[in-house]
Amino acid sequence: MTIKWTRAALGDLGRLHEFLRPMNPQAAARVVQRLTAGPDLLLMQPRIGTKLTEFEPREVRYILVGDHEMRYELTSGNEIWILRLWHTRELR
C-alpha cells in the first residue's frame, strides 16, 4: 500500500501551519510533523479508522492524530488517499 495526499489535504496542512506559526513556530512545525507521520500507522492497519457510511460505496474512514481528525479513503488500487484534516475544535 502507498499513502497519497490530495491537494485539499495538503492545503489543510498548510492552513493549520499558517494558523499556528505566528503564535509558536516550533509548535507549528511539530504539529505538521505529527500529522505527516500519522498516516504511517495505516500502512500496517489500513482499516483501523472509523468508517464513514455516508460516503458509501467508497471506503472513507477517519483517525484522530492528536487533536486533529484525518479523513482517508482506501482504494482498490492499494492506495490510501489522505482526503482532509482539521483540528477537532474547528466547526466542520
PDB file of N, CA and C in Angstrom:
ATOM      1  N   MET A   1       0.843  -1.184   0.000  1.00  0.00           N
ATOM      2  CA  MET A   1       0.000   0.000   0.000  1.00  0.00           C
ATOM      3  C   MET A   1       0.889   1.248   0.000  1.00  0.00           C
ATOM      4  N   THR A   2       0.352   2.284  -0.585  1.00  0.00           N
ATOM      5  CA  THR A   2       1.051   3.567  -0.578  1.00  0.00           C
ATOM      6  C   THR A   2       0.100   4.647  -0.081  1.00  0.00           C
ATOM      7  N   ILE A   3       0.678   5.671   0.515  1.00  0.00           N
ATOM      8  CA  ILE A   3      -0.105   6.804   1.011  1.00  0.00           C
ATOM      9  C   ILE A   3       0.083   7.970   0.051  1.00  0.00           C
ATOM     10  N   LYS A   4      -1.039   8.564  -0.313  1.00  0.00           N
ATOM     11  CA  LYS A   4      -1.022   9.741  -1.184  1.00  0.00           C
ATOM     12  C   LYS A   4      -1.887  10.821  -0.539  1.00  0.00           C
ATOM     13  N   TRP A   5      -1.535  12.050  -0.799  1.00  0.00           N
ATOM     14  CA  TRP A   5      -2.262  13.194  -0.235  1.00  0.00           C
ATOM     15  C   TRP A   5      -2.991  13.938  -1.346  1.00  0.00           C
ATOM     16  N   THR A   6      -4.257  14.267  -1.116  1.00  0.00           N
ATOM     17  CA  THR A   6      -4.983  15.094  -2.075  1.00  0.00           C
ATOM     18  C   THR A   6      -4.509  16.534  -1.941  1.00  0.00           C
ATOM     19  N   ARG A   7      -4.780  17.294  -2.945  1.00  0.00           N
ATOM     20  CA  ARG A   7      -4.436  18.718  -2.918  1.00  0.00           C
ATOM     21  C   ARG A   7      -5.158  19.416  -1.762  1.00  0.00           C
ATOM     22  N   ALA A   8      -6.405  19.017  -1.506  1.00  0.00           N
ATOM     23  CA  ALA A   8      -7.164  19.615  -0.404  1.00  0.00           C
ATOM     24  C   ALA A   8      -6.515  19.317   0.946  1.00  0.00           C
ATOM     25  N   ALA A   9      -6.047  18.082   1.144  1.00  0.00           N
ATOM     26  CA  ALA A   9      -5.399  17.721   2.411  1.00  0.00           C
ATOM     27  C   ALA A   9      -4.093  18.484   2.594  1.00  0.00           C
ATOM     28  N   LEU A  10      -3.328  18.636   1.526  1.00  0.00           N
ATOM     29  CA  LEU A  10      -2.095  19.426   1.612  1.00  0.00           C
ATOM     30  C   LEU A  10      -2.406  20.888   1.926  1.00  0.00           C
ATOM     31  N   GLY A  11      -3.498  21.383   1.366  1.00  0.00           N
ATOM     32  CA  GLY A  11      -3.941  22.745   1.680  1.00  0.00           C
ATOM     33  C   GLY A  11      -4.336  22.877   3.143  1.00  0.00           C
ATOM     34  N   ASP A  12      -5.005  21.849   3.679  1.00  0.00           N
ATOM     35  CA  ASP A  12      -5.369  21.854   5.096  1.00  0.00           C
ATOM     36  C   ASP A  12      -4.115  21.893   5.971  1.00  0.00           C
ATOM     37  N   LEU A  13      -3.133  21.114   5.602  1.00  0.00           N
ATOM     38  CA  LEU A  13      -1.875  21.064   6.346  1.00  0.00           C
ATOM     39  C   LEU A  13      -1.205  22.442   6.367  1.00  0.00           C
ATOM     40  N   GLY A  14      -1.168  23.087   5.216  1.00  0.00           N
ATOM     41  CA  GLY A  14      -0.601  24.438   5.128  1.00  0.00           C
ATOM     42  C   GLY A  14      -1.399  25.447   5.933  1.00  0.00           C
ATOM     43  N   ARG A  15      -2.713  25.338   5.884  1.00  0.00           N
ATOM     44  CA  ARG A  15      -3.581  26.262   6.624  1.00  0.00           C
ATOM     45  C   ARG A  15      -3.361  26.127   8.125  1.00  0.00           C
ATOM     46  N   LEU A  16      -3.267  24.886   8.611  1.00  0.00           N
ATOM     47  CA  LEU A  16      -3.025  24.667  10.035  1.00  0.00           C
ATOM     48  C   LEU A  16      -1.664  25.227  10.456  1.00  0.00           C
ATOM     49  N   HIS A  17      -0.661  25.022   9.608  1.00  0.00           N
ATOM     50  CA  HIS A  17       0.674  25.549   9.921  1.00  0.00           C
ATOM     51  C   HIS A  17       0.648  27.070   9.973  1.00  0.00           C
ATOM     52  N   GLU A  18       0.032  27.698   9.008  1.00  0.00           N
ATOM     53  CA  GLU A  18      -0.018  29.162   8.963  1.00  0.00           C
ATOM     54  C   GLU A  18      -0.799  29.739  10.144  1.00  0.00           C
ATOM     55  N   PHE A  19      -1.797  29.017  10.624  1.00  0.00           N
ATOM     56  CA  PHE A  19      -2.568  29.480  11.771  1.00  0.00           C
ATOM     57  C   PHE A  19      -1.705  29.453  13.043  1.00  0.00           C
ATOM     58  N   LEU A  20      -0.922  28.387  13.225  1.00  0.00           N
ATOM     59  CA  LEU A  20      -0.133  28.216  14.443  1.00  0.00           C
ATOM     60  C   LEU A  20       1.198  28.974  14.436  1.00  0.00           C
ATOM     61  N   ARG A  21       1.769  29.164  13.273  1.00  0.00           N
ATOM     62  CA  ARG A  21       3.118  29.730  13.164  1.00  0.00           C
ATOM     63  C   ARG A  21       3.302  31.079  13.853  1.00  0.00           C
ATOM     64  N   PRO A  22       2.388  32.037  13.706  1.00  0.00           N
ATOM     65  CA  PRO A  22       2.618  33.332  14.361  1.00  0.00           C
ATOM     66  C   PRO A  22       2.683  33.227  15.898  1.00  0.00           C
ATOM     67  N   MET A  23       1.954  32.275  16.465  1.00  0.00           N
ATOM     68  CA  MET A  23       1.928  32.134  17.924  1.00  0.00           C
ATOM     69  C   MET A  23       3.125  31.348  18.441  1.00  0.00           C
ATOM     70  N   ASN A  24       3.515  30.287  17.698  1.00  0.00           N
ATOM     71  CA  ASN A  24       4.611  29.434  18.153  1.00  0.00           C
ATOM     72  C   ASN A  24       5.150  28.638  16.965  1.00  0.00           C
ATOM     73  N   PRO A  25       6.191  29.131  16.309  1.00  0.00           N
ATOM     74  CA  PRO A  25       6.720  28.461  15.116  1.00  0.00           C
ATOM     75  C   PRO A  25       7.173  27.020  15.371  1.00  0.00           C
ATOM     76  N   GLN A  26       7.742  26.763  16.534  1.00  0.00           N
ATOM     77  CA  GLN A  26       8.195  25.397  16.839  1.00  0.00           C
ATOM     78  C   GLN A  26       7.014  24.455  16.991  1.00  0.00           C
ATOM     79  N   ALA A  27       5.968  24.904  17.646  1.00  0.00           N
ATOM     80  CA  ALA A  27       4.768  24.076  17.805  1.00  0.00           C
ATOM     81  C   ALA A  27       4.116  23.819  16.446  1.00  0.00           C
ATOM     82  N   ALA A  28       4.102  24.822  15.587  1.00  0.00           N
ATOM     83  CA  ALA A  28       3.532  24.654  14.249  1.00  0.00           C
ATOM     84  C   ALA A  28       4.293  23.572  13.491  1.00  0.00           C
ATOM     85  N   ALA A  29       5.611  23.596  13.585  1.00  0.00           N
ATOM     86  CA  ALA A  29       6.430  22.584  12.899  1.00  0.00           C
ATOM     87  C   ALA A  29       6.177  21.195  13.485  1.00  0.00           C
ATOM     88  N   ARG A  30       6.047  21.106  14.809  1.00  0.00           N
ATOM     89  CA  ARG A  30       5.778  19.799  15.440  1.00  0.00           C
ATOM     90  C   ARG A  30       4.433  19.230  15.008  1.00  0.00           C
ATOM     91  N   VAL A  31       3.421  20.089  14.917  1.00  0.00           N
ATOM     92  CA  VAL A  31       2.088  19.633  14.502  1.00  0.00           C
ATOM     93  C   VAL A  31       2.145  19.091  13.076  1.00  0.00           C
ATOM     94  N   VAL A  32       2.812  19.807  12.190  1.00  0.00           N
ATOM     95  CA  VAL A  32       2.926  19.347  10.800  1.00  0.00           C
ATOM     96  C   VAL A  32       3.677  18.018  10.735  1.00  0.00           C
ATOM     97  N   GLN A  33       4.743  17.882  11.499  1.00  0.00           N
ATOM     98  CA  GLN A  33       5.483  16.617  11.515  1.00  0.00           C
ATOM     99  C   GLN A  33       4.620  15.472  12.024  1.00  0.00           C
ATOM    100  N   ARG A  34       3.867  15.716  13.084  1.00  0.00           N
ATOM    101  CA  ARG A  34       2.989  14.683  13.644  1.00  0.00           C
ATOM    102  C   ARG A  34       1.901  14.285  12.645  1.00  0.00           C
ATOM    103  N   LEU A  35       1.335  15.275  11.966  1.00  0.00           N
ATOM    104  CA  LEU A  35       0.269  14.979  11.007  1.00  0.00           C
ATOM    105  C   LEU A  35       0.791  14.247   9.772  1.00  0.00           C
ATOM    106  N   THR A  36       1.987  14.573   9.329  1.00  0.00           N
ATOM    107  CA  THR A  36       2.508  13.872   8.153  1.00  0.00           C
ATOM    108  C   THR A  36       2.973  12.466   8.503  1.00  0.00           C
ATOM    109  N   ALA A  37       3.347  12.236   9.762  1.00  0.00           N
ATOM    110  CA  ALA A  37       3.751  10.889  10.190  1.00  0.00           C
ATOM    111  C   ALA A  37       2.549  10.043  10.605  1.00  0.00           C
ATOM    112  N   GLY A  38       1.443  10.680  10.950  1.00  0.00           N
ATOM    113  CA  GLY A  38       0.254   9.970  11.433  1.00  0.00           C
ATOM    114  C   GLY A  38      -0.240   8.853  10.535  1.00  0.00           C
ATOM    115  N   PRO A  39      -0.296   9.055   9.221  1.00  0.00           N
ATOM    116  CA  PRO A  39      -0.816   8.009   8.339  1.00  0.00           C
ATOM    117  C   PRO A  39       0.073   6.765   8.236  1.00  0.00           C
ATOM    118  N   ASP A  40       1.299   6.815   8.747  1.00  0.00           N
ATOM    119  CA  ASP A  40       2.177   5.646   8.659  1.00  0.00           C
ATOM    120  C   ASP A  40       1.559   4.414   9.316  1.00  0.00           C
ATOM    121  N   LEU A  41       0.789   4.617  10.372  1.00  0.00           N
ATOM    122  CA  LEU A  41       0.090   3.514  11.030  1.00  0.00           C
ATOM    123  C   LEU A  41      -0.855   2.810  10.065  1.00  0.00           C
ATOM    124  N   LEU A  42      -1.418   3.559   9.126  1.00  0.00           N
ATOM    125  CA  LEU A  42      -2.375   2.992   8.175  1.00  0.00           C
ATOM    126  C   LEU A  42      -1.727   1.984   7.231  1.00  0.00           C
ATOM    127  N   LEU A  43      -0.430   2.086   7.038  1.00  0.00           N
ATOM    128  CA  LEU A  43       0.246   1.120   6.166  1.00  0.00           C
ATOM    129  C   LEU A  43       0.168  -0.288   6.745  1.00  0.00           C
ATOM    130  N   MET A  44       0.184  -0.384   8.066  1.00  0.00           N
ATOM    131  CA  MET A  44       0.099  -1.697   8.713  1.00  0.00           C
ATOM    132  C   MET A  44      -1.345  -2.099   9.006  1.00  0.00           C
ATOM    133  N   GLN A  45      -2.186  -1.122   9.332  1.00  0.00           N
ATOM    134  CA  GLN A  45      -3.580  -1.382   9.688  1.00  0.00           C
ATOM    135  C   GLN A  45      -4.495  -0.389   8.986  1.00  0.00           C
ATOM    136  N   PRO A  46      -4.714  -0.557   7.696  1.00  0.00           N
ATOM    137  CA  PRO A  46      -5.458   0.453   6.934  1.00  0.00           C
ATOM    138  C   PRO A  46      -6.917   0.637   7.358  1.00  0.00           C
ATOM    139  N   ARG A  47      -7.500  -0.357   7.972  1.00  0.00           N
ATOM    140  CA  ARG A  47      -8.905  -0.246   8.369  1.00  0.00           C
ATOM    141  C   ARG A  47      -9.080   0.066   9.851  1.00  0.00           C
ATOM    142  N   ILE A  48      -8.051   0.617  10.454  1.00  0.00           N
ATOM    143  CA  ILE A  48      -8.112   0.945  11.878  1.00  0.00           C
ATOM    144  C   ILE A  48      -9.068   2.111  12.145  1.00  0.00           C
ATOM    145  N   GLY A  49      -9.257   2.972  11.181  1.00  0.00           N
ATOM    146  CA  GLY A  49     -10.112   4.143  11.368  1.00  0.00           C
ATOM    147  C   GLY A  49     -11.590   3.804  11.353  1.00  0.00           C
ATOM    148  N   THR A  50     -12.373   4.720  11.879  1.00  0.00           N
ATOM    149  CA  THR A  50     -13.828   4.580  11.905  1.00  0.00           C
ATOM    150  C   THR A  50     -14.383   4.829  10.513  1.00  0.00           C
ATOM    151  N   LYS A  51     -15.240   3.919  10.054  1.00  0.00           N
ATOM    152  CA  LYS A  51     -15.822   4.040   8.716  1.00  0.00           C
ATOM    153  C   LYS A  51     -16.906   5.106   8.708  1.00  0.00           C
ATOM    154  N   LEU A  52     -16.922   5.904   7.661  1.00  0.00           N
ATOM    155  CA  LEU A  52     -17.933   6.949   7.477  1.00  0.00           C
ATOM    156  C   LEU A  52     -18.928   6.464   6.424  1.00  0.00           C
ATOM    157  N   THR A  53     -20.053   5.944   6.883  1.00  0.00           N
ATOM    158  CA  THR A  53     -21.018   5.297   5.982  1.00  0.00           C
ATOM    159  C   THR A  53     -21.663   6.258   4.992  1.00  0.00           C
ATOM    160  N   GLU A  54     -21.648   7.550   5.278  1.00  0.00           N
ATOM    161  CA  GLU A  54     -22.287   8.495   4.352  1.00  0.00           C
ATOM    162  C   GLU A  54     -21.556   8.603   3.019  1.00  0.00           C
ATOM    163  N   PHE A  55     -20.346   8.037   2.924  1.00  0.00           N
ATOM    164  CA  PHE A  55     -19.585   8.076   1.678  1.00  0.00           C
ATOM    165  C   PHE A  55     -19.680   6.771   0.889  1.00  0.00           C
ATOM    166  N   GLU A  56     -20.421   5.785   1.384  1.00  0.00           N
ATOM    167  CA  GLU A  56     -20.526   4.504   0.675  1.00  0.00           C
ATOM    168  C   GLU A  56     -21.066   4.734  -0.727  1.00  0.00           C
ATOM    169  N   PRO A  57     -20.579   4.003  -1.706  1.00  0.00           N
ATOM    170  CA  PRO A  57     -19.810   2.767  -1.644  1.00  0.00           C
ATOM    171  C   PRO A  57     -18.302   2.979  -1.482  1.00  0.00           C
ATOM    172  N   ARG A  58     -17.838   4.236  -1.468  1.00  0.00           N
ATOM    173  CA  ARG A  58     -16.408   4.474  -1.233  1.00  0.00           C
ATOM    174  C   ARG A  58     -16.078   4.065   0.196  1.00  0.00           C
ATOM    175  N   GLU A  59     -14.841   3.652   0.426  1.00  0.00           N
ATOM    176  CA  GLU A  59     -14.412   3.287   1.776  1.00  0.00           C
ATOM    177  C   GLU A  59     -13.628   4.449   2.375  1.00  0.00           C
ATOM    178  N   VAL A  60     -14.398   5.376   2.971  1.00  0.00           N
ATOM    179  CA  VAL A  60     -13.817   6.554   3.605  1.00  0.00           C
ATOM    180  C   VAL A  60     -13.867   6.350   5.112  1.00  0.00           C
ATOM    181  N   ARG A  61     -12.757   6.618   5.767  1.00  0.00           N
ATOM    182  CA  ARG A  61     -12.615   6.430   7.202  1.00  0.00           C
ATOM    183  C   ARG A  61     -11.917   7.641   7.792  1.00  0.00           C
ATOM    184  N   TYR A  62     -11.875   7.685   9.140  1.00  0.00           N
ATOM    185  CA  TYR A  62     -11.101   8.739   9.780  1.00  0.00           C
ATOM    186  C   TYR A  62     -10.366   8.191  10.993  1.00  0.00           C
ATOM    187  N   ILE A  63      -9.245   8.850  11.290  1.00  0.00           N
ATOM    188  CA  ILE A  63      -8.486   8.583  12.506  1.00  0.00           C
ATOM    189  C   ILE A  63      -8.228   9.919  13.186  1.00  0.00           C
ATOM    190  N   LEU A  64      -7.933   9.861  14.464  1.00  0.00           N
ATOM    191  CA  LEU A  64      -7.514  11.044  15.191  1.00  0.00           C
ATOM    192  C   LEU A  64      -6.005  10.997  15.341  1.00  0.00           C
ATOM    193  N   VAL A  65      -5.369  12.103  14.989  1.00  0.00           N
ATOM    194  CA  VAL A  65      -3.931  12.255  15.159  1.00  0.00           C
ATOM    195  C   VAL A  65      -3.769  13.438  16.110  1.00  0.00           C
ATOM    196  N   GLY A  66      -3.557  13.124  17.367  1.00  0.00           N
ATOM    197  CA  GLY A  66      -3.558  14.183  18.376  1.00  0.00           C
ATOM    198  C   GLY A  66      -4.940  14.805  18.437  1.00  0.00           C
ATOM    199  N   ASP A  67      -5.000  16.116  18.261  1.00  0.00           N
ATOM    200  CA  ASP A  67      -6.274  16.845  18.284  1.00  0.00           C
ATOM    201  C   ASP A  67      -6.827  17.099  16.889  1.00  0.00           C
ATOM    202  N   HIS A  68      -6.370  16.331  15.912  1.00  0.00           N
ATOM    203  CA  HIS A  68      -6.777  16.548  14.525  1.00  0.00           C
ATOM    204  C   HIS A  68      -7.469  15.312  13.960  1.00  0.00           C
ATOM    205  N   GLU A  69      -8.546  15.569  13.228  1.00  0.00           N
ATOM    206  CA  GLU A  69      -9.234  14.485  12.522  1.00  0.00           C
ATOM    207  C   GLU A  69      -8.654  14.395  11.118  1.00  0.00           C
ATOM    208  N   MET A  70      -8.327  13.181  10.712  1.00  0.00           N
ATOM    209  CA  MET A  70      -7.766  12.949   9.390  1.00  0.00           C
ATOM    210  C   MET A  70      -8.679  11.956   8.663  1.00  0.00           C
ATOM    211  N   ARG A  71      -9.256  12.407   7.552  1.00  0.00           N
ATOM    212  CA  ARG A  71     -10.098  11.525   6.747  1.00  0.00           C
ATOM    213  C   ARG A  71      -9.273  10.939   5.616  1.00  0.00           C
ATOM    214  N   TYR A  72      -9.531   9.663   5.349  1.00  0.00           N
ATOM    215  CA  TYR A  72      -8.782   8.991   4.292  1.00  0.00           C
ATOM    216  C   TYR A  72      -9.673   7.997   3.577  1.00  0.00           C
ATOM    217  N   GLU A  73      -9.252   7.621   2.384  1.00  0.00           N
ATOM    218  CA  GLU A  73     -10.001   6.674   1.563  1.00  0.00           C
ATOM    219  C   GLU A  73      -9.092   5.532   1.142  1.00  0.00           C
ATOM    220  N   LEU A  74      -9.612   4.324   1.265  1.00  0.00           N
ATOM    221  CA  LEU A  74      -8.920   3.134   0.775  1.00  0.00           C
ATOM    222  C   LEU A  74      -9.439   2.855  -0.620  1.00  0.00           C
ATOM    223  N   THR A  75      -8.533   2.650  -1.570  1.00  0.00           N
ATOM    224  CA  THR A  75      -8.952   2.398  -2.943  1.00  0.00           C
ATOM    225  C   THR A  75      -8.610   0.966  -3.344  1.00  0.00           C
ATOM    226  N   SER A  76      -9.235   0.522  -4.407  1.00  0.00           N
ATOM    227  CA  SER A  76      -8.977  -0.834  -4.901  1.00  0.00           C
ATOM    228  C   SER A  76      -7.569  -0.959  -5.473  1.00  0.00           C
ATOM    229  N   GLY A  77      -6.917   0.160  -5.731  1.00  0.00           N
ATOM    230  CA  GLY A  77      -5.563   0.143  -6.276  1.00  0.00           C
ATOM    231  C   GLY A  77      -4.484   0.096  -5.209  1.00  0.00           C
ATOM    232  N   ASN A  78      -4.850  -0.361  -4.007  1.00  0.00           N
ATOM    233  CA  ASN A  78      -3.884  -0.465  -2.897  1.00  0.00           C
ATOM    234  C   ASN A  78      -3.292   0.881  -2.511  1.00  0.00           C
ATOM    235  N   GLU A  79      -4.107   1.926  -2.576  1.00  0.00           N
ATOM    236  CA  GLU A  79      -3.662   3.259  -2.197  1.00  0.00           C
ATOM    237  C   GLU A  79      -4.506   3.756  -1.027  1.00  0.00           C
ATOM    238  N   ILE A  80      -3.875   4.540  -0.193  1.00  0.00           N
ATOM    239  CA  ILE A  80      -4.559   5.236   0.894  1.00  0.00           C
ATOM    240  C   ILE A  80      -4.453   6.717   0.575  1.00  0.00           C
ATOM    241  N   TRP A  81      -5.581   7.339   0.314  1.00  0.00           N
ATOM    242  CA  TRP A  81      -5.600   8.760  -0.014  1.00  0.00           C
ATOM    243  C   TRP A  81      -6.002   9.548   1.219  1.00  0.00           C
ATOM    244  N   ILE A  82      -5.142  10.450   1.663  1.00  0.00           N
ATOM    245  CA  ILE A  82      -5.493  11.373   2.744  1.00  0.00           C
ATOM    246  C   ILE A  82      -6.345  12.454   2.100  1.00  0.00           C
ATOM    247  N   LEU A  83      -7.599  12.560   2.552  1.00  0.00           N
ATOM    248  CA  LEU A  83      -8.562  13.449   1.915  1.00  0.00           C
ATOM    249  C   LEU A  83      -8.583  14.850   2.527  1.00  0.00           C
ATOM    250  N   ARG A  84      -8.743  14.915   3.840  1.00  0.00           N
ATOM    251  CA  ARG A  84      -8.861  16.200   4.536  1.00  0.00           C
ATOM    252  C   ARG A  84      -8.376  16.033   5.965  1.00  0.00           C
ATOM    253  N   LEU A  85      -8.024  17.141   6.600  1.00  0.00           N
ATOM    254  CA  LEU A  85      -7.715  17.118   8.019  1.00  0.00           C
ATOM    255  C   LEU A  85      -7.983  18.479   8.622  1.00  0.00           C
ATOM    256  N   TRP A  86      -8.324  18.469   9.903  1.00  0.00           N
ATOM    257  CA  TRP A  86      -8.612  19.703  10.615  1.00  0.00           C
ATOM    258  C   TRP A  86      -8.543  19.452  12.107  1.00  0.00           C
ATOM    259  N   HIS A  87      -8.447  20.533  12.871  1.00  0.00           N
ATOM    260  CA  HIS A  87      -8.453  20.458  14.325  1.00  0.00           C
ATOM    261  C   HIS A  87      -9.876  20.114  14.764  1.00  0.00           C
ATOM    262  N   THR A  88      -9.984  19.275  15.777  1.00  0.00           N
ATOM    263  CA  THR A  88     -11.308  18.823  16.213  1.00  0.00           C
ATOM    264  C   THR A  88     -12.166  19.946  16.792  1.00  0.00           C
ATOM    265  N   ARG A  89     -11.571  21.063  17.137  1.00  0.00           N
ATOM    266  CA  ARG A  89     -12.355  22.194  17.642  1.00  0.00           C
ATOM    267  C   ARG A  89     -12.902  23.076  16.527  1.00  0.00           C
ATOM    268  N   GLU A  90     -12.442  22.846  15.315  1.00  0.00           N
ATOM    269  CA  GLU A  90     -12.967  23.627  14.185  1.00  0.00           C
ATOM    270  C   GLU A  90     -14.404  23.206  13.909  1.00  0.00           C
ATOM    271  N   LEU A  91     -15.206  24.148  13.511  1.00  0.00           N
ATOM    272  CA  LEU A  91     -16.582  23.841  13.143  1.00  0.00           C
ATOM    273  C   LEU A  91     -16.597  23.337  11.721  1.00  0.00           C
ATOM    274  N   ARG A  92     -16.950  22.079  11.536  1.00  0.00           N
ATOM    275  CA  ARG A  92     -16.981  21.457  10.207  1.00  0.00           C
ATOM    276  C   ARG A  92     -18.319  20.872   9.962  1.00  0.00           C
TER     277      ARG A  92
END
